[in-house]
Amino acid sequence: PFQFTSKRAIRLVNKDNQYISVRFYNPYPQPIPIKD
């Protein structure tokens, strides 16, 4: 709850083998999957 993913971001890739990186935040009062 109320935590950010670590400073090291999660990498995403597309079909063209291009990359972006993203960070997540959980604003809810209980643990939830990062994807949510």
All heavy atoms as atom14 arrays in JSON, in Angstrom:
{
  "sequence": "PFQFTSKRAIRLVNKDNQYISVRFYNPYPQPIPIKD",
  "atom14_mask": [
    [1, 1, 1, 1, 1, 1, 1, 0, 0, 0, 0, 0, 0, 0],
    [1, 1, 1, 1, 1, 1, 1, 1, 1, 1, 1, 0, 0, 0],
    [1, 1, 1, 1, 1, 1, 1, 1, 1, 0, 0, 0, 0, 0],
    [1, 1, 1, 1, 1, 1, 1, 1, 1, 1, 1, 0, 0, 0],
    [1, 1, 1, 1, 1, 1, 1, 0, 0, 0, 0, 0, 0, 0],
    [1, 1, 1, 1, 1, 1, 0, 0, 0, 0, 0, 0, 0, 0],
    [1, 1, 1, 1, 1, 1, 1, 1, 1, 0, 0, 0, 0, 0],
    [1, 1, 1, 1, 1, 1, 1, 1, 1, 1, 1, 0, 0, 0],
    [1, 1, 1, 1, 1, 0, 0, 0, 0, 0, 0, 0, 0, 0],
    [1, 1, 1, 1, 1, 1, 1, 1, 0, 0, 0, 0, 0, 0],
    [1, 1, 1, 1, 1, 1, 1, 1, 1, 1, 1, 0, 0, 0],
    [1, 1, 1, 1, 1, 1, 1, 1, 0, 0, 0, 0, 0, 0],
    [1, 1, 1, 1, 1, 1, 1, 0, 0, 0, 0, 0, 0, 0],
    [1, 1, 1, 1, 1, 1, 1, 1, 0, 0, 0, 0, 0, 0],
    [1, 1, 1, 1, 1, 1, 1, 1, 1, 0, 0, 0, 0, 0],
    [1, 1, 1, 1, 1, 1, 1, 1, 0, 0, 0, 0, 0, 0],
    [1, 1, 1, 1, 1, 1, 1, 1, 0, 0, 0, 0, 0, 0],
    [1, 1, 1, 1, 1, 1, 1, 1, 1, 0, 0, 0, 0, 0],
    [1, 1, 1, 1, 1, 1, 1, 1, 1, 1, 1, 1, 0, 0],
    [1, 1, 1, 1, 1, 1, 1, 1, 0, 0, 0, 0, 0, 0],
    [1, 1, 1, 1, 1, 1, 0, 0, 0, 0, 0, 0, 0, 0],
    [1, 1, 1, 1, 1, 1, 1, 0, 0, 0, 0, 0, 0, 0],
    [1, 1, 1, 1, 1, 1, 1, 1, 1, 1, 1, 0, 0, 0],
    [1, 1, 1, 1, 1, 1, 1, 1, 1, 1, 1, 0, 0, 0],
    [1, 1, 1, 1, 1, 1, 1, 1, 1, 1, 1, 1, 0, 0],
    [1, 1, 1, 1, 1, 1, 1, 1, 0, 0, 0, 0, 0, 0],
    [1, 1, 1, 1, 1, 1, 1, 0, 0, 0, 0, 0, 0, 0],
    [1, 1, 1, 1, 1, 1, 1, 1, 1, 1, 1, 1, 0, 0],
    [1, 1, 1, 1, 1, 1, 1, 0, 0, 0, 0, 0, 0, 0],
    [1, 1, 1, 1, 1, 1, 1, 1, 1, 0, 0, 0, 0, 0],
    [1, 1, 1, 1, 1, 1, 1, 0, 0, 0, 0, 0, 0, 0],
    [1, 1, 1, 1, 1, 1, 1, 1, 0, 0, 0, 0, 0, 0],
    [1, 1, 1, 1, 1, 1, 1, 0, 0, 0, 0, 0, 0, 0],
    [1, 1, 1, 1, 1, 1, 1, 1, 0, 0, 0, 0, 0, 0],
    [1, 1, 1, 1, 1, 1, 1, 1, 1, 0, 0, 0, 0, 0],
    [1, 1, 1, 1, 1, 1, 1, 1, 0, 0, 0, 0, 0, 0]
  ],
  "atom14_positions": [
    [[0.82, -1.22, 0.0], [0.0, 0.0, 0.0], [0.85, 1.27, 0.0], [1.86, 1.35, 0.7], [-0.8, -0.11, 1.3], [-0.79, -1.56, 1.64], [0.52, -2.09, 1.14], [0.0, 0.0, 0.0], [0.0, 0.0, 0.0], [0.0, 0.0, 0.0], [0.0, 0.0, 0.0], [0.0, 0.0, 0.0], [0.0, 0.0, 0.0], [0.0, 0.0, 0.0]],
    [[0.42, 2.22, -0.79], [1.04, 3.55, -0.84], [2.54, 3.47, -1.15], [3.33, 4.25, -0.63], [0.82, 4.31, 0.47], [-0.6, 4.24, 0.98], [-0.88, 3.7, 2.22], [-1.64, 4.69, 0.19], [-2.19, 3.63, 2.69], [-2.95, 4.62, 0.64], [-3.22, 4.09, 1.89], [0.0, 0.0, 0.0], [0.0, 0.0, 0.0], [0.0, 0.0, 0.0]],
    [[2.91, 2.54, -2.0], [4.31, 2.36, -2.35], [4.52, 2.47, -3.86], [3.63, 2.13, -4.65], [4.84, 1.01, -1.87], [4.91, 0.88, -0.36], [5.93, 1.82, 0.26], [7.04, 1.95, -0.25], [5.55, 2.5, 1.33], [0.0, 0.0, 0.0], [0.0, 0.0, 0.0], [0.0, 0.0, 0.0], [0.0, 0.0, 0.0], [0.0, 0.0, 0.0]],
    [[5.73, 2.89, -4.25], [6.15, 2.93, -5.64], [6.92, 1.66, -5.97], [7.52, 1.05, -5.08], [7.06, 4.13, -5.9], [6.42, 5.46, -5.66], [6.53, 6.09, -4.43], [5.72, 6.1, -6.67], [5.96, 7.33, -4.2], [5.13, 7.34, -6.45], [5.25, 7.96, -5.22], [0.0, 0.0, 0.0], [0.0, 0.0, 0.0], [0.0, 0.0, 0.0]],
    [[6.92, 1.28, -7.25], [7.88, 0.27, -7.66], [9.27, 0.87, -7.49], [9.43, 2.08, -7.42], [7.67, -0.17, -9.12], [7.5, 0.99, -9.94], [6.46, -1.07, -9.27], [0.0, 0.0, 0.0], [0.0, 0.0, 0.0], [0.0, 0.0, 0.0], [0.0, 0.0, 0.0], [0.0, 0.0, 0.0], [0.0, 0.0, 0.0], [0.0, 0.0, 0.0]],
    [[10.27, 0.02, -7.44], [11.62, 0.48, -7.15], [12.1, 1.49, -8.2], [11.5, 1.63, -9.26], [12.58, -0.71, -7.11], [12.69, -1.29, -8.39], [0.0, 0.0, 0.0], [0.0, 0.0, 0.0], [0.0, 0.0, 0.0], [0.0, 0.0, 0.0], [0.0, 0.0, 0.0], [0.0, 0.0, 0.0], [0.0, 0.0, 0.0], [0.0, 0.0, 0.0]],
    [[13.2, 2.13, -7.88], [13.75, 3.13, -8.8], [14.05, 2.5, -10.16], [13.97, 3.17, -11.19], [15.02, 3.74, -8.2], [15.55, 4.92, -8.99], [16.71, 5.57, -8.27], [17.21, 6.77, -9.05], [18.34, 7.44, -8.36], [0.0, 0.0, 0.0], [0.0, 0.0, 0.0], [0.0, 0.0, 0.0], [0.0, 0.0, 0.0], [0.0, 0.0, 0.0]],
    [[14.42, 1.24, -10.17], [14.64, 0.54, -11.42], [13.28, 0.22, -12.04], [12.49, -0.55, -11.5], [15.42, -0.74, -11.2], [15.8, -1.46, -12.48], [16.57, -2.75, -12.14], [16.85, -3.51, -13.35], [17.95, -3.38, -14.08], [18.86, -2.5, -13.72], [18.15, -4.12, -15.14], [0.0, 0.0, 0.0], [0.0, 0.0, 0.0], [0.0, 0.0, 0.0]],
    [[12.99, 0.84, -13.16], [11.66, 0.74, -13.77], [11.45, -0.61, -14.44], [12.39, -1.38, -14.67], [11.47, 1.87, -14.78], [0.0, 0.0, 0.0], [0.0, 0.0, 0.0], [0.0, 0.0, 0.0], [0.0, 0.0, 0.0], [0.0, 0.0, 0.0], [0.0, 0.0, 0.0], [0.0, 0.0, 0.0], [0.0, 0.0, 0.0], [0.0, 0.0, 0.0]],
    [[10.2, -0.9, -14.74], [9.83, -2.13, -15.45], [9.84, -1.86, -16.94], [9.22, -0.9, -17.41], [8.46, -2.62, -14.98], [8.55, -3.08, -13.52], [7.95, -3.75, -15.87], [7.23, -3.45, -12.91], [0.0, 0.0, 0.0], [0.0, 0.0, 0.0], [0.0, 0.0, 0.0], [0.0, 0.0, 0.0], [0.0, 0.0, 0.0], [0.0, 0.0, 0.0]],
    [[10.51, -2.68, -17.69], [10.65, -2.46, -19.13], [9.51, -3.12, -19.9], [9.09, -4.24, -19.59], [11.98, -3.02, -19.64], [13.19, -2.42, -18.99], [14.46, -2.94, -19.61], [14.79, -2.21, -20.83], [15.7, -2.61, -21.71], [16.33, -3.76, -21.53], [15.97, -1.89, -22.79], [0.0, 0.0, 0.0], [0.0, 0.0, 0.0], [0.0, 0.0, 0.0]],
    [[9.02, -2.4, -20.91], [8.0, -2.92, -21.81], [8.58, -2.92, -23.22], [9.42, -2.1, -23.57], [6.74, -2.05, -21.76], [6.11, -1.8, -20.39], [4.86, -0.92, -20.53], [5.76, -3.09, -19.69], [0.0, 0.0, 0.0], [0.0, 0.0, 0.0], [0.0, 0.0, 0.0], [0.0, 0.0, 0.0], [0.0, 0.0, 0.0], [0.0, 0.0, 0.0]],
    [[8.09, -3.85, -24.05], [8.58, -3.98, -25.42], [7.39, -4.11, -26.36], [6.31, -4.57, -25.95], [9.53, -5.21, -25.56], [8.78, -6.51, -25.28], [10.23, -5.23, -26.91], [0.0, 0.0, 0.0], [0.0, 0.0, 0.0], [0.0, 0.0, 0.0], [0.0, 0.0, 0.0], [0.0, 0.0, 0.0], [0.0, 0.0, 0.0], [0.0, 0.0, 0.0]],
    [[7.55, -3.72, -27.62], [6.48, -3.91, -28.61], [6.96, -4.82, -29.74], [8.1, -5.3, -29.73], [5.97, -2.56, -29.14], [7.04, -1.8, -29.92], [8.08, -2.33, -30.29], [6.76, -0.53, -30.2], [0.0, 0.0, 0.0], [0.0, 0.0, 0.0], [0.0, 0.0, 0.0], [0.0, 0.0, 0.0], [0.0, 0.0, 0.0], [0.0, 0.0, 0.0]],
    [[6.11, -5.04, -30.72], [6.42, -5.98, -31.8], [7.59, -5.52, -32.65], [8.2, -6.33, -33.36], [5.18, -6.18, -32.68], [4.69, -4.93, -33.4], [3.48, -5.22, -34.24], [2.97, -3.97, -34.95], [3.95, -3.36, -35.85], [0.0, 0.0, 0.0], [0.0, 0.0, 0.0], [0.0, 0.0, 0.0], [0.0, 0.0, 0.0], [0.0, 0.0, 0.0]],
    [[7.92, -4.23, -32.61], [9.04, -3.7, -33.4], [10.35, -3.71, -32.61], [11.33, -3.1, -33.02], [8.72, -2.27, -33.85], [7.54, -2.22, -34.8], [7.44, -3.1, -35.68], [6.7, -1.31, -34.64], [0.0, 0.0, 0.0], [0.0, 0.0, 0.0], [0.0, 0.0, 0.0], [0.0, 0.0, 0.0], [0.0, 0.0, 0.0], [0.0, 0.0, 0.0]],
    [[10.32, -4.4, -31.45], [11.5, -4.5, -30.59], [11.95, -3.13, -30.1], [13.14, -2.85, -29.97], [12.66, -5.21, -31.32], [13.69, -5.78, -30.35], [13.34, -6.19, -29.24], [14.94, -5.8, -30.76], [0.0, 0.0, 0.0], [0.0, 0.0, 0.0], [0.0, 0.0, 0.0], [0.0, 0.0, 0.0], [0.0, 0.0, 0.0], [0.0, 0.0, 0.0]],
    [[10.98, -2.27, -29.82], [11.24, -0.97, -29.21], [10.94, -1.08, -27.72], [10.11, -1.89, -27.3], [10.36, 0.11, -29.85], [10.64, 0.34, -31.31], [9.66, 1.31, -31.94], [8.5, 1.4, -31.52], [10.12, 2.06, -32.93], [0.0, 0.0, 0.0], [0.0, 0.0, 0.0], [0.0, 0.0, 0.0], [0.0, 0.0, 0.0], [0.0, 0.0, 0.0]],
    [[11.6, -0.25, -26.92], [11.46, -0.34, -25.47], [11.03, 0.98, -24.86], [11.44, 2.06, -25.3], [12.79, -0.75, -24.84], [13.24, -2.15, -25.18], [14.03, -2.4, -26.3], [12.85, -3.24, -24.39], [14.44, -3.69, -26.63], [13.25, -4.53, -24.71], [14.04, -4.75, -25.83], [14.43, -6.02, -26.15], [0.0, 0.0, 0.0], [0.0, 0.0, 0.0]],
    [[10.2, 0.87, -23.82], [9.96, 1.98, -22.91], [10.07, 1.39, -21.5], [10.07, 0.16, -21.32], [8.59, 2.65, -23.09], [7.45, 1.64, -22.85], [8.47, 3.29, -24.46], [6.07, 2.28, -22.87], [0.0, 0.0, 0.0], [0.0, 0.0, 0.0], [0.0, 0.0, 0.0], [0.0, 0.0, 0.0], [0.0, 0.0, 0.0], [0.0, 0.0, 0.0]],
    [[10.23, 2.23, -20.51], [10.21, 1.75, -19.13], [9.21, 2.57, -18.34], [9.01, 3.76, -18.61], [11.6, 1.8, -18.5], [12.16, 3.08, -18.62], [0.0, 0.0, 0.0], [0.0, 0.0, 0.0], [0.0, 0.0, 0.0], [0.0, 0.0, 0.0], [0.0, 0.0, 0.0], [0.0, 0.0, 0.0], [0.0, 0.0, 0.0], [0.0, 0.0, 0.0]],
    [[8.57, 1.92, -17.38], [7.49, 2.56, -16.62], [7.65, 2.24, -15.14], [8.26, 1.26, -14.76], [6.1, 2.08, -17.1], [5.87, 2.45, -18.55], [5.93, 0.57, -16.91], [0.0, 0.0, 0.0], [0.0, 0.0, 0.0], [0.0, 0.0, 0.0], [0.0, 0.0, 0.0], [0.0, 0.0, 0.0], [0.0, 0.0, 0.0], [0.0, 0.0, 0.0]],
    [[7.07, 3.11, -14.31], [7.01, 2.87, -12.87], [5.56, 2.95, -12.42], [4.76, 3.68, -12.99], [7.88, 3.87, -12.11], [9.37, 3.68, -12.33], [10.17, 4.72, -11.58], [9.96, 4.59, -10.16], [10.09, 5.59, -9.28], [10.41, 6.81, -9.72], [9.9, 5.4, -7.99], [0.0, 0.0, 0.0], [0.0, 0.0, 0.0], [0.0, 0.0, 0.0]],
    [[5.25, 2.18, -11.37], [3.89, 2.06, -10.87], [3.8, 2.59, -9.44], [4.78, 2.66, -8.71], [3.46, 0.59, -10.84], [3.31, -0.06, -12.19], [4.42, -0.53, -12.87], [2.06, -0.22, -12.77], [4.29, -1.14, -14.11], [1.92, -0.84, -14.0], [3.03, -1.29, -14.67], [0.0, 0.0, 0.0], [0.0, 0.0, 0.0], [0.0, 0.0, 0.0]],
    [[2.55, 2.94, -9.06], [2.26, 3.35, -7.68], [0.96, 2.71, -7.24], [-0.02, 2.65, -8.01], [2.14, 4.88, -7.58], [1.8, 5.36, -6.18], [2.73, 5.29, -5.16], [0.54, 5.87, -5.88], [2.43, 5.73, -3.87], [0.22, 6.31, -4.61], [1.16, 6.23, -3.61], [0.86, 6.66, -2.34], [0.0, 0.0, 0.0], [0.0, 0.0, 0.0]],
    [[0.93, 2.22, -6.0], [-0.28, 1.63, -5.43], [-0.91, 2.62, -4.46], [-0.41, 2.81, -3.35], [0.07, 0.33, -4.7], [-1.16, -0.29, -4.01], [-2.29, 0.14, -4.23], [-0.92, -1.28, -3.18], [0.0, 0.0, 0.0], [0.0, 0.0, 0.0], [0.0, 0.0, 0.0], [0.0, 0.0, 0.0], [0.0, 0.0, 0.0], [0.0, 0.0, 0.0]],
    [[-2.03, 3.25, -4.84], [-2.66, 4.24, -3.96], [-3.65, 3.64, -2.97], [-4.24, 4.36, -2.17], [-3.38, 5.15, -4.96], [-3.81, 4.2, -6.04], [-2.71, 3.17, -6.14], [0.0, 0.0, 0.0], [0.0, 0.0, 0.0], [0.0, 0.0, 0.0], [0.0, 0.0, 0.0], [0.0, 0.0, 0.0], [0.0, 0.0, 0.0], [0.0, 0.0, 0.0]],
    [[-3.85, 2.31, -3.02], [-4.87, 1.65, -2.22], [-4.33, 1.17, -0.87], [-3.11, 0.98, -0.72], [-5.46, 0.48, -2.99], [-6.22, 0.9, -4.23], [-5.62, 0.83, -5.49], [-7.51, 1.39, -4.14], [-6.3, 1.23, -6.62], [-8.2, 1.79, -5.28], [-7.59, 1.72, -6.51], [-8.26, 2.12, -7.63], [0.0, 0.0, 0.0], [0.0, 0.0, 0.0]],
    [[-5.22, 0.95, 0.11], [-4.78, 0.58, 1.46], [-4.47, -0.91, 1.63], [-4.38, -1.38, 2.77], [-5.97, 0.99, 2.33], [-7.16, 0.86, 1.44], [-6.67, 1.25, 0.07], [0.0, 0.0, 0.0], [0.0, 0.0, 0.0], [0.0, 0.0, 0.0], [0.0, 0.0, 0.0], [0.0, 0.0, 0.0], [0.0, 0.0, 0.0], [0.0, 0.0, 0.0]],
    [[-4.32, -1.66, 0.56], [-3.92, -3.06, 0.66], [-3.04, -3.43, -0.52], [-3.08, -2.74, -1.55], [-5.15, -3.99, 0.71], [-5.72, -4.39, -0.64], [-6.77, -3.43, -1.16], [-6.81, -2.28, -0.76], [-7.61, -3.92, -2.05], [0.0, 0.0, 0.0], [0.0, 0.0, 0.0], [0.0, 0.0, 0.0], [0.0, 0.0, 0.0], [0.0, 0.0, 0.0]],
    [[-2.21, -4.47, -0.39], [-1.35, -4.88, -1.5], [-2.2, -5.33, -2.7], [-3.23, -5.98, -2.53], [-0.56, -6.05, -0.93], [-0.68, -5.93, 0.55], [-2.03, -5.31, 0.8], [0.0, 0.0, 0.0], [0.0, 0.0, 0.0], [0.0, 0.0, 0.0], [0.0, 0.0, 0.0], [0.0, 0.0, 0.0], [0.0, 0.0, 0.0], [0.0, 0.0, 0.0]],
    [[-1.75, -4.94, -3.9], [-2.44, -5.39, -5.11], [-1.38, -5.73, -6.17], [-0.24, -5.27, -6.07], [-3.42, -4.33, -5.67], [-2.67, -3.06, -6.1], [-4.5, -4.01, -4.66], [-3.58, -2.06, -6.79], [0.0, 0.0, 0.0], [0.0, 0.0, 0.0], [0.0, 0.0, 0.0], [0.0, 0.0, 0.0], [0.0, 0.0, 0.0], [0.0, 0.0, 0.0]],
    [[-1.74, -6.55, -7.18], [-0.77, -6.87, -8.24], [-0.27, -5.6, -8.94], [-1.03, -4.65, -9.14], [-1.58, -7.75, -9.2], [-2.66, -8.33, -8.36], [-3.01, -7.26, -7.36], [0.0, 0.0, 0.0], [0.0, 0.0, 0.0], [0.0, 0.0, 0.0], [0.0, 0.0, 0.0], [0.0, 0.0, 0.0], [0.0, 0.0, 0.0], [0.0, 0.0, 0.0]],
    [[1.0, -5.59, -9.29], [1.58, -4.42, -9.96], [0.8, -4.04, -11.2], [0.59, -2.86, -11.49], [3.06, -4.69, -10.31], [3.89, -4.77, -9.03], [3.61, -3.6, -11.22], [5.34, -5.12, -9.26], [0.0, 0.0, 0.0], [0.0, 0.0, 0.0], [0.0, 0.0, 0.0], [0.0, 0.0, 0.0], [0.0, 0.0, 0.0], [0.0, 0.0, 0.0]],
    [[0.33, -5.04, -11.95], [-0.39, -4.77, -13.2], [-1.66, -3.95, -12.96], [-2.17, -3.31, -13.89], [-0.74, -6.07, -13.92], [-1.73, -6.96, -13.21], [-2.04, -8.21, -14.0], [-3.02, -9.11, -13.27], [-4.33, -8.48, -13.05], [0.0, 0.0, 0.0], [0.0, 0.0, 0.0], [0.0, 0.0, 0.0], [0.0, 0.0, 0.0], [0.0, 0.0, 0.0]],
    [[-2.2, -3.97, -11.73], [-3.42, -3.23, -11.42], [-3.14, -1.88, -10.76], [-4.06, -1.12, -10.47], [-4.31, -4.07, -10.49], [-4.79, -5.34, -11.16], [-5.01, -5.31, -12.39], [-4.93, -6.37, -10.47], [0.0, 0.0, 0.0], [0.0, 0.0, 0.0], [0.0, 0.0, 0.0], [0.0, 0.0, 0.0], [0.0, 0.0, 0.0], [0.0, 0.0, 0.0]]
  ]
}
